[in-house]
Amino acid sequence: METPRKVISIEKQFEINVQLEKELGTVIKTYNNLENKSEVKSGGAKAANALKFAQLLRNEFYNVVTESCISKSGAKKIQDEKTYVELRDLLEERSGLEDRIKEQQLFLKEIDVSIDEKQNKIADIAHKVPSNVKWQQRVQRAEKTLEGLENKLDTVVKQYGVIAADTRDLREEIDHMLTERIRFNTLWYSYVMNLSAGKKILMDVVEQAVLAYNSRDEYIVRLSALRSLATNDLIRNSQEMNLLQQTLDNNRQVEEFVGLKQQYRNMKDLFEMKHQKRINQEFEIVKKIGHYKQVLEKIQDFVGVKCESSTTEFVDRFVSAETINMSYFNYINELHNELEHANQELVQRRTDIKNQEAVNENRAEHQKTNLNLLKTELNSKTKEIDADKKSLDGVDKVLKQIYSGLDKIFKLCKCNNGPFIKLLGENSSVNQYNVLLHIKVIEESVDNYLANVYYNEKVGSKGKSAKPVVPIIDEELTPIEKCPVELFCPTNPCPLCVDREMVSDVIDKLQSVETRDTVKTNLDIRLELPNALDRLHNVSACNLPKSRQIIQKRYQ
């Protein structure tokens, strides 16, 4: 029996041609890529392998072209119609057998489920209804536990009694020690008061001793001055006594001589002259004696002692008065010197005060100018801060919109935040700290969805009778380049990676603290290196073990 010839429709022919063109385009692309690689890598075993592979691809290309030509021939079309009918019958049989197999599998699954349920019920009943042996064992264990608990209760009661007795003894000791403490405190306070009084007395004695010791030098100077005065007076008085004794001796000799002379010569005129001279001398002596008496009376009035009572007392009083006068004189000289010194210091202080007033005026003017400059800077900085706040608010609004959009995408993609739920803490919404984690999860879910769609388009529709929809891909279209997330989110060099690099960098020469400008220049030089961008990530994206500790502390 002849099989009916099936006529291929125009749509089917168009789909076959499109598929062949697509395969031809892929082969041409691979061929061009291999030719480019062969031009780059000239010579060697790799070039030979590439040429062999290119030759194989050319052969496959020619085979595909010949097969496409053969497939368009009439005999091949008849053969295709036969194979199509056979495949259709086989597919119908296969679909029927698959339906039966599915029914049998469902029936077996239901039986397995019922068996599992029965076994679970039997196990539950066996657990719920214990046997007599188990019941006796349980009763014995309960009795043992009861005996153990009673023994523990007895020991605890005994321990409580011992502790209560110890607490009673301790309370008695505490009361006794408190009374002793009160007595000790009273004695201590009395001793402290006595000690403070003794300290005051001792301080007074020490002050008096210090004053006496300080005045010792003054008294020594006074004694030495008095000694020198006494010695000088003694020497002067002794000299005067010697002179008076000499004058007395001379006068006596003169009287004797004159008496002898008068015995032999007795001239009237001479006698009168001598008598007048003697009268004059006596008058002068009486005058001097009166003057001396007046001086002596003044001294007696000043001293307060009469010379007739006791000469020693008079001399002592006179010496003491002289010493007092000398001390007053020295005191007045010291006061005069101190007054001059005080006047000099007063003049110096006045000049210092004038200089300090001038300095203060200059400082006040300088502070006023600085204050005005600081006010202007403050106003400018406040304006800049307000502008920055406005821009920051705008950025925050944009970020909030981005975060809300990411949250919606996260929910639409039905992503799971289970792997990093511990890192999120109480706030599981999208924020600046966990946005990278959500973006990674969204990228993974999108990749999974694309893979599933590709699988369903290419593989899932082969076993069904529906016609596959073959997309026509334009060769001129290029895939969209995936931009990294770091271009949209601001990142800084990871401090952990930088710290690790600085610790591992061993320098033999002496190092010093760098300024901000030197740090910027070194950073620019470092960023120009090929591996400089490896550290441009946050601490949460760092691979070092210390970053895990920091993240755990942050979300605890």
Protein backbone atom coordinates (compact mmCIF):
# COMPACT_ATOMS: atom_id res chain seq x y z
CA MET A 1 0.00 0.00 0.00
CA GLU A 2 1.38 3.35 -1.07
CA THR A 3 1.73 6.01 1.57
CA PRO A 4 -0.02 9.25 0.71
CA ARG A 5 2.38 11.96 -0.34
CA LYS A 6 2.38 14.93 2.00
CA VAL A 7 2.80 18.37 0.51
CA ILE A 8 5.08 20.67 2.57
CA SER A 9 3.49 24.04 3.17
CA ILE A 10 5.14 27.37 2.41
CA GLU A 11 5.41 28.23 6.12
CA LYS A 12 7.16 24.97 6.89
CA GLN A 13 9.56 25.52 4.00
CA PHE A 14 10.24 29.07 5.25
CA GLU A 15 10.98 27.82 8.76
CA ILE A 16 13.37 25.18 7.41
CA ASN A 17 15.16 27.79 5.30
CA VAL A 18 15.45 30.16 8.30
CA GLN A 19 16.90 27.40 10.44
CA LEU A 20 19.42 26.51 7.76
CA GLU A 21 20.40 30.16 7.37
CA LYS A 22 20.87 30.41 11.12
CA GLU A 23 23.14 27.35 11.19
CA LEU A 24 25.02 28.70 8.20
CA GLY A 25 25.54 32.04 9.98
CA THR A 26 26.87 30.37 13.12
CA VAL A 27 29.30 28.28 11.04
CA ILE A 28 30.49 31.40 9.18
CA LYS A 29 31.03 33.23 12.48
CA THR A 30 33.06 30.39 13.92
CA TYR A 31 35.03 30.19 10.70
CA ASN A 32 35.83 33.90 10.78
CA ASN A 33 36.82 33.71 14.45
CA LEU A 34 39.13 30.82 13.76
CA GLU A 35 40.70 32.62 10.83
CA ASN A 36 41.33 35.67 13.01
CA LYS A 37 42.89 33.54 15.72
CA SER A 38 45.03 31.76 13.16
CA GLU A 39 46.27 35.11 11.85
CA VAL A 40 47.11 36.26 15.39
CA LYS A 41 48.86 33.05 16.34
CA SER A 42 51.13 32.31 13.41
CA GLY A 43 53.24 29.17 13.62
CA GLY A 44 53.42 26.42 16.22
CA ALA A 45 51.24 23.46 17.16
CA LYS A 46 48.31 25.72 18.10
CA ALA A 47 48.19 27.19 14.59
CA ALA A 48 48.26 23.70 13.04
CA ASN A 49 45.40 22.56 15.28
CA ALA A 50 43.46 25.68 14.41
CA LEU A 51 43.97 25.03 10.68
CA LYS A 52 42.83 21.44 11.10
CA PHE A 53 39.77 22.59 12.99
CA ALA A 54 39.06 25.19 10.28
CA GLN A 55 39.36 22.50 7.61
CA LEU A 56 36.94 20.31 9.55
CA LEU A 57 34.51 23.21 9.76
CA ARG A 58 34.85 23.81 6.02
CA ASN A 59 34.11 20.12 5.37
CA GLU A 60 31.09 20.30 7.66
CA PHE A 61 29.98 23.45 5.84
CA TYR A 62 30.21 21.68 2.47
CA ASN A 63 28.43 18.64 3.92
CA VAL A 64 25.63 20.84 5.24
CA VAL A 65 25.30 22.54 1.85
CA THR A 66 25.20 19.20 0.02
CA GLU A 67 22.69 17.80 2.52
CA SER A 68 20.52 20.87 2.06
CA CYS A 69 20.66 20.38 -1.72
CA ILE A 70 19.88 16.68 -1.36
CA SER A 71 17.01 17.44 1.00
CA LYS A 72 15.43 19.65 -1.67
CA SER A 73 15.46 16.80 -4.28
CA GLY A 74 12.28 14.84 -5.17
CA ALA A 75 13.43 11.40 -3.92
CA LYS A 76 14.42 12.89 -0.63
CA LYS A 77 11.04 14.57 -0.32
CA ILE A 78 9.31 11.19 -0.83
CA GLN A 79 11.57 9.62 1.78
CA ASP A 80 10.85 12.49 4.16
CA GLU A 81 7.13 11.96 3.69
CA LYS A 82 7.50 8.27 4.57
CA THR A 83 9.60 9.02 7.64
CA TYR A 84 7.11 11.72 8.62
CA VAL A 85 4.22 9.25 8.54
CA GLU A 86 6.21 6.69 10.50
CA LEU A 87 7.29 9.24 13.08
CA ARG A 88 3.70 10.45 13.44
CA ASP A 89 2.48 6.92 14.12
CA LEU A 90 5.32 6.31 16.57
CA LEU A 91 4.61 9.57 18.36
CA GLU A 92 0.94 8.68 18.68
CA GLU A 93 1.88 5.30 20.13
CA ARG A 94 4.40 6.96 22.42
CA SER A 95 1.83 9.49 23.67
CA GLY A 96 -0.60 6.66 24.43
CA LEU A 97 2.06 4.65 26.25
CA GLU A 98 3.16 7.74 28.20
CA ASP A 99 -0.43 8.33 29.32
CA ARG A 100 -0.67 4.72 30.53
CA ILE A 101 2.68 4.97 32.30
CA LYS A 102 1.61 8.19 34.02
CA GLU A 103 -1.64 6.56 35.16
CA GLN A 104 0.28 3.56 36.54
CA GLN A 105 2.80 5.86 38.25
CA LEU A 106 0.02 7.89 39.84
CA PHE A 107 -1.65 4.68 41.01
CA LEU A 108 1.64 3.40 42.49
CA LYS A 109 2.27 6.76 44.17
CA GLU A 110 -1.18 6.68 45.76
CA ILE A 111 -0.53 3.14 47.00
CA ASP A 112 2.88 4.18 48.43
CA VAL A 113 1.29 7.16 50.16
CA SER A 114 -1.42 5.01 51.72
CA ILE A 115 1.22 2.46 52.84
CA ASP A 116 3.29 5.21 54.43
CA GLU A 117 0.24 6.60 56.22
CA LYS A 118 -0.66 3.17 57.58
CA GLN A 119 2.91 2.56 58.76
CA ASN A 120 2.97 5.95 60.49
CA LYS A 121 -0.33 5.23 62.19
CA ILE A 122 0.95 1.83 63.35
CA ALA A 123 4.13 3.43 64.71
CA ASP A 124 2.11 6.13 66.52
CA ILE A 125 -0.17 3.53 68.07
CA ALA A 126 2.85 1.45 69.13
CA HIS A 127 4.39 4.51 70.76
CA LYS A 128 1.14 5.54 72.45
CA VAL A 129 0.22 2.10 73.86
CA PRO A 130 3.17 0.77 75.89
CA SER A 131 3.54 -2.87 76.91
CA ASN A 132 3.45 -4.26 80.47
CA VAL A 133 7.22 -4.61 80.62
CA LYS A 134 7.70 -1.02 79.53
CA TRP A 135 5.06 0.08 82.01
CA GLN A 136 6.87 -1.72 84.85
CA GLN A 137 10.20 -0.28 83.75
CA ARG A 138 8.67 3.18 83.66
CA VAL A 139 7.22 2.67 87.17
CA GLN A 140 10.61 1.47 88.48
CA ARG A 141 12.37 4.46 86.93
CA ALA A 142 9.77 6.77 88.48
CA GLU A 143 10.27 5.16 91.92
CA LYS A 144 14.05 5.52 91.60
CA THR A 145 13.73 9.15 90.60
CA LEU A 146 11.29 9.71 93.50
CA GLU A 147 13.76 8.17 95.98
CA GLY A 148 16.57 10.27 94.54
CA LEU A 149 14.48 13.42 94.77
CA GLU A 150 13.50 12.60 98.38
CA ASN A 151 17.16 12.08 99.28
CA LYS A 152 18.04 15.37 97.59
CA LEU A 153 15.22 17.09 99.47
CA ASP A 154 16.49 15.66 102.77
CA THR A 155 20.04 16.80 102.07
CA VAL A 156 18.81 20.24 100.99
CA VAL A 157 16.74 20.58 104.19
CA LYS A 158 19.78 19.62 106.29
CA GLN A 159 21.96 22.04 104.38
CA TYR A 160 19.33 24.75 104.91
CA GLY A 161 19.37 24.08 108.67
CA VAL A 162 23.17 24.26 108.76
CA ILE A 163 23.11 27.48 106.73
CA ALA A 164 20.44 28.98 109.02
CA ALA A 165 22.56 28.17 112.10
CA ASP A 166 25.63 29.66 110.42
CA THR A 167 23.68 32.78 109.51
CA ARG A 168 22.50 33.15 113.13
CA ASP A 169 26.10 32.89 114.39
CA LEU A 170 27.26 35.31 111.71
CA ARG A 171 24.52 37.79 112.66
CA GLU A 172 25.61 37.64 116.31
CA GLU A 173 29.23 38.17 115.28
CA ILE A 174 28.17 41.05 113.03
CA ASP A 175 26.23 42.70 115.88
CA HIS A 176 29.22 42.29 118.21
CA MET A 177 31.58 43.69 115.57
CA LEU A 178 29.22 46.62 114.96
CA THR A 179 29.27 47.53 118.66
CA GLU A 180 33.06 47.24 118.68
CA ARG A 181 33.17 49.37 115.58
CA ILE A 182 31.07 52.08 117.28
CA ARG A 183 33.41 52.06 120.27
CA PHE A 184 36.44 52.15 118.00
CA ASN A 185 34.97 55.05 116.03
CA THR A 186 34.35 57.06 119.21
CA LEU A 187 37.91 56.39 120.42
CA TRP A 188 39.24 57.13 116.96
CA TYR A 189 37.42 60.45 116.76
CA SER A 190 38.65 61.43 120.25
CA TYR A 191 42.23 60.49 119.29
CA VAL A 192 41.88 62.42 116.05
CA MET A 193 40.65 65.51 117.92
CA ASN A 194 43.51 65.23 120.42
CA LEU A 195 45.94 64.76 117.56
CA SER A 196 44.59 67.83 115.77
CA ALA A 197 44.88 69.90 118.98
CA GLY A 198 48.44 68.63 119.51
CA LYS A 199 49.25 69.44 115.91
CA LYS A 200 47.98 72.99 116.40
CA ILE A 201 50.11 73.40 119.56
CA LEU A 202 53.10 71.90 117.79
CA MET A 203 52.61 74.21 114.82
CA ASP A 204 52.49 77.23 117.16
CA VAL A 205 55.70 76.06 118.86
CA VAL A 206 57.34 75.49 115.49
CA GLU A 207 56.28 78.95 114.30
CA GLN A 208 57.65 80.55 117.48
CA ALA A 209 60.89 78.59 117.08
CA VAL A 210 61.14 79.64 113.44
CA LEU A 211 60.56 83.27 114.38
CA ALA A 212 63.15 83.03 117.16
CA TYR A 213 65.61 81.36 114.80
CA ASN A 214 64.98 84.00 112.14
CA SER A 215 65.50 86.84 114.71
CA ARG A 216 68.67 85.15 116.04
CA ASP A 217 70.86 86.83 113.43
CA GLU A 218 69.43 90.24 114.26
CA TYR A 219 70.09 89.77 117.98
CA ILE A 220 73.63 88.54 117.26
CA VAL A 221 74.27 91.65 115.18
CA ARG A 222 72.91 93.82 117.96
CA LEU A 223 75.08 92.06 120.58
CA SER A 224 78.18 92.47 118.44
CA ALA A 225 77.36 96.15 117.93
CA LEU A 226 76.85 96.63 121.67
CA ARG A 227 80.12 94.84 122.42
CA SER A 228 81.99 97.05 120.00
CA LEU A 229 80.34 100.14 121.53
CA ALA A 230 81.22 98.98 125.05
CA THR A 231 84.84 98.32 124.11
CA ASN A 232 85.10 101.70 122.39
CA ASP A 233 83.57 103.43 125.42
CA LEU A 234 85.96 101.57 127.72
CA ILE A 235 88.96 102.60 125.65
CA ARG A 236 87.80 106.21 125.45
CA ASN A 237 87.01 106.39 129.16
CA SER A 238 90.35 104.83 130.08
CA GLN A 239 92.14 107.35 127.86
CA GLU A 240 90.19 110.20 129.45
CA MET A 241 91.02 108.86 132.92
CA ASN A 242 94.70 108.71 132.01
CA LEU A 243 94.59 112.24 130.67
CA LEU A 244 92.80 113.48 133.77
CA GLN A 245 95.30 111.67 135.98
CA GLN A 246 98.18 113.28 134.08
CA THR A 247 96.59 116.71 134.37
CA LEU A 248 96.01 116.11 138.06
CA ASP A 249 99.63 115.10 138.57
CA ASN A 250 100.83 118.07 136.62
CA ASN A 251 98.63 120.42 138.59
CA ARG A 252 99.91 118.94 141.82
CA GLN A 253 103.49 119.31 140.71
CA VAL A 254 102.75 122.85 139.62
CA GLU A 255 101.17 123.63 143.00
CA GLU A 256 104.15 122.19 144.80
CA PHE A 257 106.51 124.08 142.56
CA VAL A 258 104.53 127.28 142.97
CA GLY A 259 104.35 126.77 146.72
CA LEU A 260 108.09 126.35 146.89
CA LYS A 261 108.56 129.33 144.70
CA GLN A 262 106.19 131.42 146.81
CA GLN A 263 108.24 130.70 149.85
CA TYR A 264 111.15 132.50 148.41
CA ARG A 265 109.42 135.16 146.33
CA ASN A 266 106.37 136.93 147.44
CA MET A 267 105.52 139.51 144.90
CA LYS A 268 102.21 141.29 145.27
CA ASP A 269 101.47 141.79 141.63
CA LEU A 270 102.30 138.26 140.75
CA PHE A 271 100.20 136.94 143.56
CA GLU A 272 97.25 138.95 142.37
CA MET A 273 97.70 137.74 138.84
CA LYS A 274 97.86 134.16 139.96
CA HIS A 275 94.87 134.63 142.20
CA GLN A 276 92.91 136.16 139.34
CA LYS A 277 94.00 133.38 137.04
CA ARG A 278 92.95 130.79 139.56
CA ILE A 279 89.60 132.47 139.99
CA ASN A 280 89.10 132.43 136.26
CA GLN A 281 90.04 128.77 136.06
CA GLU A 282 87.70 127.93 138.91
CA PHE A 283 84.95 129.89 137.19
CA GLU A 284 85.49 127.97 133.96
CA ILE A 285 85.60 124.69 135.85
CA VAL A 286 82.38 125.55 137.66
CA LYS A 287 80.83 126.49 134.33
CA LYS A 288 81.90 123.20 132.79
CA ILE A 289 80.64 121.34 135.85
CA GLY A 290 77.28 123.08 135.52
CA HIS A 291 77.16 122.18 131.83
CA TYR A 292 78.07 118.62 132.61
CA LYS A 293 75.45 118.53 135.36
CA GLN A 294 72.80 119.74 132.89
CA VAL A 295 73.85 117.07 130.41
CA LEU A 296 73.81 114.50 133.20
CA GLU A 297 70.35 115.61 134.30
CA LYS A 298 69.09 115.30 130.71
CA ILE A 299 70.57 111.82 130.54
CA GLN A 300 68.98 110.96 133.90
CA ASP A 301 65.63 112.25 132.69
CA PHE A 302 65.98 110.24 129.48
CA VAL A 303 67.10 107.09 131.30
CA GLY A 304 64.85 107.52 134.32
CA VAL A 305 67.52 106.69 136.94
CA LYS A 306 69.48 109.09 139.16
CA CYS A 307 73.21 108.83 139.19
CA GLU A 308 73.35 109.16 142.96
CA SER A 309 71.40 105.89 143.49
CA SER A 310 73.66 103.51 141.53
CA THR A 311 76.14 104.18 138.77
CA THR A 312 75.96 100.62 137.41
CA GLU A 313 72.21 100.83 137.00
CA PHE A 314 72.62 104.21 135.36
CA VAL A 315 75.19 102.85 132.94
CA ASP A 316 73.06 99.80 132.16
CA ARG A 317 70.02 101.96 131.52
CA PHE A 318 72.04 104.27 129.33
CA VAL A 319 73.44 101.36 127.31
CA SER A 320 69.97 99.83 126.89
CA ALA A 321 68.56 103.18 125.77
CA GLU A 322 71.41 103.53 123.27
CA THR A 323 70.71 100.05 121.90
CA ILE A 324 67.02 100.84 121.62
CA ASN A 325 67.84 104.05 119.79
CA MET A 326 70.17 102.16 117.45
CA SER A 327 67.50 99.53 116.80
CA TYR A 328 64.97 102.28 116.06
CA PHE A 329 67.46 103.91 113.76
CA ASN A 330 68.11 100.63 111.92
CA TYR A 331 64.36 99.93 111.74
CA ILE A 332 63.75 103.37 110.26
CA ASN A 333 66.52 102.80 107.71
CA GLU A 334 65.04 99.42 106.75
CA LEU A 335 61.59 100.96 106.42
CA HIS A 336 63.05 103.69 104.25
CA ASN A 337 64.79 101.09 102.04
CA GLU A 338 61.61 99.00 101.81
CA LEU A 339 59.63 102.13 100.93
CA GLU A 340 62.07 102.95 98.12
CA HIS A 341 61.91 99.35 96.87
CA ALA A 342 58.09 99.45 97.02
CA ASN A 343 58.07 102.70 95.05
CA GLN A 344 60.32 101.16 92.41
CA GLU A 345 58.08 98.08 92.18
CA LEU A 346 55.00 100.32 91.98
CA VAL A 347 56.52 102.23 89.06
CA GLN A 348 57.47 98.95 87.37
CA ARG A 349 53.96 97.56 87.91
CA ARG A 350 52.41 100.70 86.46
CA THR A 351 54.57 100.40 83.34
CA ASP A 352 53.70 96.69 83.09
CA ILE A 353 49.99 97.51 83.46
CA LYS A 354 50.22 100.09 80.69
CA ASN A 355 52.05 97.64 78.41
CA GLN A 356 49.53 94.89 79.21
CA GLU A 357 46.63 97.26 78.50
CA ALA A 358 48.15 98.06 75.10
CA VAL A 359 48.66 94.35 74.41
CA ASN A 360 45.08 93.60 75.49
CA GLU A 361 43.74 96.33 73.21
CA ASN A 362 45.70 94.92 70.27
CA ARG A 363 44.54 91.43 71.14
CA ALA A 364 40.91 92.58 71.39
CA GLU A 365 41.15 94.23 67.96
CA HIS A 366 42.76 91.12 66.52
CA GLN A 367 40.08 88.93 68.11
CA LYS A 368 37.36 91.17 66.69
CA THR A 369 38.80 90.84 63.19
CA ASN A 370 39.18 87.07 63.64
CA LEU A 371 35.62 86.86 64.97
CA ASN A 372 34.29 88.72 61.94
CA LEU A 373 36.26 86.43 59.62
CA LEU A 374 34.97 83.37 61.46
CA LYS A 375 31.41 84.68 61.24
CA THR A 376 31.74 85.14 57.49
CA GLU A 377 33.25 81.67 57.16
CA LEU A 378 30.46 80.27 59.34
CA ASN A 379 27.81 81.86 57.15
CA SER A 380 29.47 80.53 53.99
CA LYS A 381 29.88 77.07 55.51
CA THR A 382 26.25 77.05 56.69
CA LYS A 383 25.15 77.98 53.18
CA GLU A 384 27.32 75.21 51.73
CA ILE A 385 25.96 72.75 54.31
CA ASP A 386 22.38 73.74 53.45
CA ALA A 387 23.11 73.25 49.75
CA ASP A 388 24.78 69.90 50.49
CA LYS A 389 21.80 68.91 52.63
CA LYS A 390 19.44 69.74 49.80
CA SER A 391 21.51 67.75 47.32
CA LEU A 392 21.81 64.95 49.87
CA ASP A 393 18.04 64.95 50.35
CA GLY A 394 17.62 64.70 46.58
CA VAL A 395 20.10 61.84 46.43
CA ASP A 396 18.33 60.16 49.37
CA LYS A 397 15.02 60.45 47.55
CA VAL A 398 16.51 58.93 44.40
CA LEU A 399 18.12 56.17 46.47
CA LYS A 400 14.82 55.49 48.22
CA GLN A 401 13.11 55.20 44.83
CA ILE A 402 15.88 52.86 43.66
CA TYR A 403 15.61 50.82 46.87
CA SER A 404 11.81 50.59 46.52
CA GLY A 405 12.21 49.53 42.88
CA LEU A 406 14.75 46.87 43.88
CA ASP A 407 12.37 45.68 46.60
CA LYS A 408 9.57 45.37 44.04
CA ILE A 409 11.88 43.51 41.63
CA PHE A 410 13.00 41.28 44.53
CA LYS A 411 9.36 40.43 45.29
CA LEU A 412 8.41 40.01 41.60
CA CYS A 413 11.28 37.61 41.04
CA LYS A 414 10.18 35.70 44.18
CA CYS A 415 13.71 35.76 45.54
CA ASN A 416 14.59 34.21 48.87
CA ASN A 417 16.62 36.10 51.48
CA GLY A 418 17.19 33.00 53.60
CA PRO A 419 20.96 32.65 53.01
CA PHE A 420 21.67 36.13 54.38
CA ILE A 421 18.71 36.62 56.76
CA LYS A 422 21.12 36.65 59.72
CA LEU A 423 23.07 39.52 58.17
CA LEU A 424 19.93 41.64 57.66
CA GLY A 425 18.98 41.68 61.34
CA GLU A 426 15.64 43.20 62.31
CA ASN A 427 15.40 45.44 59.20
CA SER A 428 14.92 43.10 56.22
CA SER A 429 14.04 45.85 53.74
CA VAL A 430 16.46 47.10 51.09
CA ASN A 431 18.84 49.77 52.42
CA GLN A 432 22.35 51.07 51.76
CA TYR A 433 23.96 48.28 53.80
CA ASN A 434 22.32 45.26 52.12
CA VAL A 435 21.59 46.55 48.61
CA LEU A 436 24.51 44.62 47.10
CA LEU A 437 23.23 41.35 48.58
CA HIS A 438 19.75 41.93 47.10
CA ILE A 439 21.26 42.87 43.72
CA LYS A 440 23.32 39.67 43.66
CA VAL A 441 20.25 37.59 44.50
CA ILE A 442 18.22 39.38 41.78
CA GLU A 443 21.00 38.78 39.22
CA GLU A 444 21.12 35.09 40.12
CA SER A 445 17.33 34.75 39.90
CA VAL A 446 17.27 36.60 36.53
CA ASP A 447 20.00 34.30 35.22
CA ASN A 448 17.98 31.29 36.39
CA TYR A 449 14.84 32.63 34.71
CA LEU A 450 16.71 33.21 31.45
CA ALA A 451 18.17 29.71 31.59
CA ASN A 452 14.72 28.23 32.24
CA VAL A 453 13.21 30.20 29.36
CA TYR A 454 16.00 29.10 27.05
CA TYR A 455 15.57 25.50 28.17
CA ASN A 456 11.79 25.63 27.70
CA GLU A 457 12.17 27.15 24.25
CA LYS A 458 14.83 24.75 23.02
CA VAL A 459 14.24 21.49 24.85
CA GLY A 460 10.81 21.54 26.47
CA SER A 461 8.85 21.74 23.22
CA LYS A 462 10.53 18.79 21.44
CA GLY A 463 8.29 16.13 22.96
CA LYS A 464 5.06 17.99 22.11
CA SER A 465 3.17 18.14 18.85
CA ALA A 466 2.99 21.94 18.85
CA LYS A 467 5.09 23.68 16.31
CA PRO A 468 8.17 25.34 17.75
CA VAL A 469 8.42 29.08 17.32
CA VAL A 470 11.80 29.75 15.80
CA PRO A 471 12.93 33.34 16.50
CA ILE A 472 14.67 35.20 13.74
CA ILE A 473 17.80 36.77 15.24
CA ASP A 474 19.36 39.67 13.46
CA GLU A 475 23.11 39.31 13.18
CA GLU A 476 23.63 43.06 13.39
CA LEU A 477 22.23 43.20 16.93
CA THR A 478 24.87 43.06 19.69
CA PRO A 479 24.23 41.88 23.23
CA ILE A 480 23.76 44.55 25.89
CA GLU A 481 26.91 45.02 27.91
CA LYS A 482 26.40 44.30 31.60
CA CYS A 483 27.63 47.23 33.65
CA PRO A 484 29.01 46.43 37.12
CA VAL A 485 27.05 47.57 40.13
CA GLU A 486 30.05 49.59 41.41
CA LEU A 487 29.42 52.15 38.64
CA PHE A 488 25.98 52.96 40.10
CA CYS A 489 26.83 52.67 43.83
CA PRO A 490 29.64 54.74 45.41
CA THR A 491 32.48 52.57 46.67
CA ASN A 492 35.69 53.20 48.57
CA PRO A 493 38.85 51.12 48.91
CA CYS A 494 38.27 48.36 51.45
CA PRO A 495 40.08 49.36 54.70
CA LEU A 496 40.75 45.71 55.57
CA CYS A 497 42.52 45.03 52.25
CA VAL A 498 44.49 48.28 52.53
CA ASP A 499 45.48 47.43 56.12
CA ARG A 500 46.58 43.98 55.03
CA GLU A 501 48.68 45.42 52.20
CA MET A 502 50.29 48.00 54.51
CA VAL A 503 51.12 45.36 57.12
CA SER A 504 52.60 43.03 54.51
CA ASP A 505 54.63 45.89 52.96
CA VAL A 506 58.02 45.71 54.72
CA ILE A 507 60.23 48.81 54.29
CA ASP A 508 63.77 48.97 55.69
CA LYS A 509 64.09 52.76 55.76
CA LEU A 510 62.67 55.15 58.36
CA GLN A 511 59.02 56.07 57.78
CA SER A 512 57.22 59.29 58.74
CA VAL A 513 53.64 60.53 58.82
CA GLU A 514 52.38 61.54 55.37
CA THR A 515 50.34 64.66 54.64
CA ARG A 516 47.01 64.72 52.83
CA ASP A 517 48.60 65.77 49.51
CA THR A 518 51.19 62.98 49.59
CA VAL A 519 48.47 60.47 50.43
CA LYS A 520 46.41 61.65 47.43
CA THR A 521 49.39 61.39 45.06
CA ASN A 522 50.28 57.90 46.33
CA LEU A 523 46.64 56.83 45.97
CA ASP A 524 46.50 58.08 42.36
CA ILE A 525 49.71 56.19 41.57
CA ARG A 526 48.33 53.06 43.22
CA LEU A 527 45.02 53.25 41.34
CA GLU A 528 46.86 53.34 38.00
CA LEU A 529 48.19 49.81 38.63
CA PRO A 530 46.33 46.90 36.96
CA ASN A 531 45.18 45.25 40.24
CA ALA A 532 44.15 48.50 41.94
CA LEU A 533 40.42 47.99 41.32
CA ASP A 534 40.42 44.69 43.24
CA ARG A 535 40.05 46.58 46.52
CA LEU A 536 37.20 48.85 45.36
CA HIS A 537 34.50 47.11 47.38
CA ASN A 538 32.74 47.52 50.69
CA VAL A 539 33.58 45.65 53.88
CA SER A 540 30.48 43.45 53.39
CA ALA A 541 31.85 42.27 50.02
CA CYS A 542 35.37 41.61 51.33
CA ASN A 543 36.72 38.05 51.33
CA LEU A 544 38.90 38.43 54.42
CA PRO A 545 37.75 36.61 57.59
CA LYS A 546 37.78 39.83 59.61
CA SER A 547 34.94 41.26 57.46
CA ARG A 548 32.62 38.47 58.65
CA GLN A 549 33.31 39.44 62.27
CA ILE A 550 32.57 43.11 61.53
CA ILE A 551 29.29 42.24 59.76
CA GLN A 552 28.22 39.96 62.62
CA LYS A 553 28.90 42.74 65.17
CA ARG A 554 27.00 45.21 62.98
CA TYR A 555 23.82 43.10 62.83
CA GLN A 556 23.89 41.69 66.37
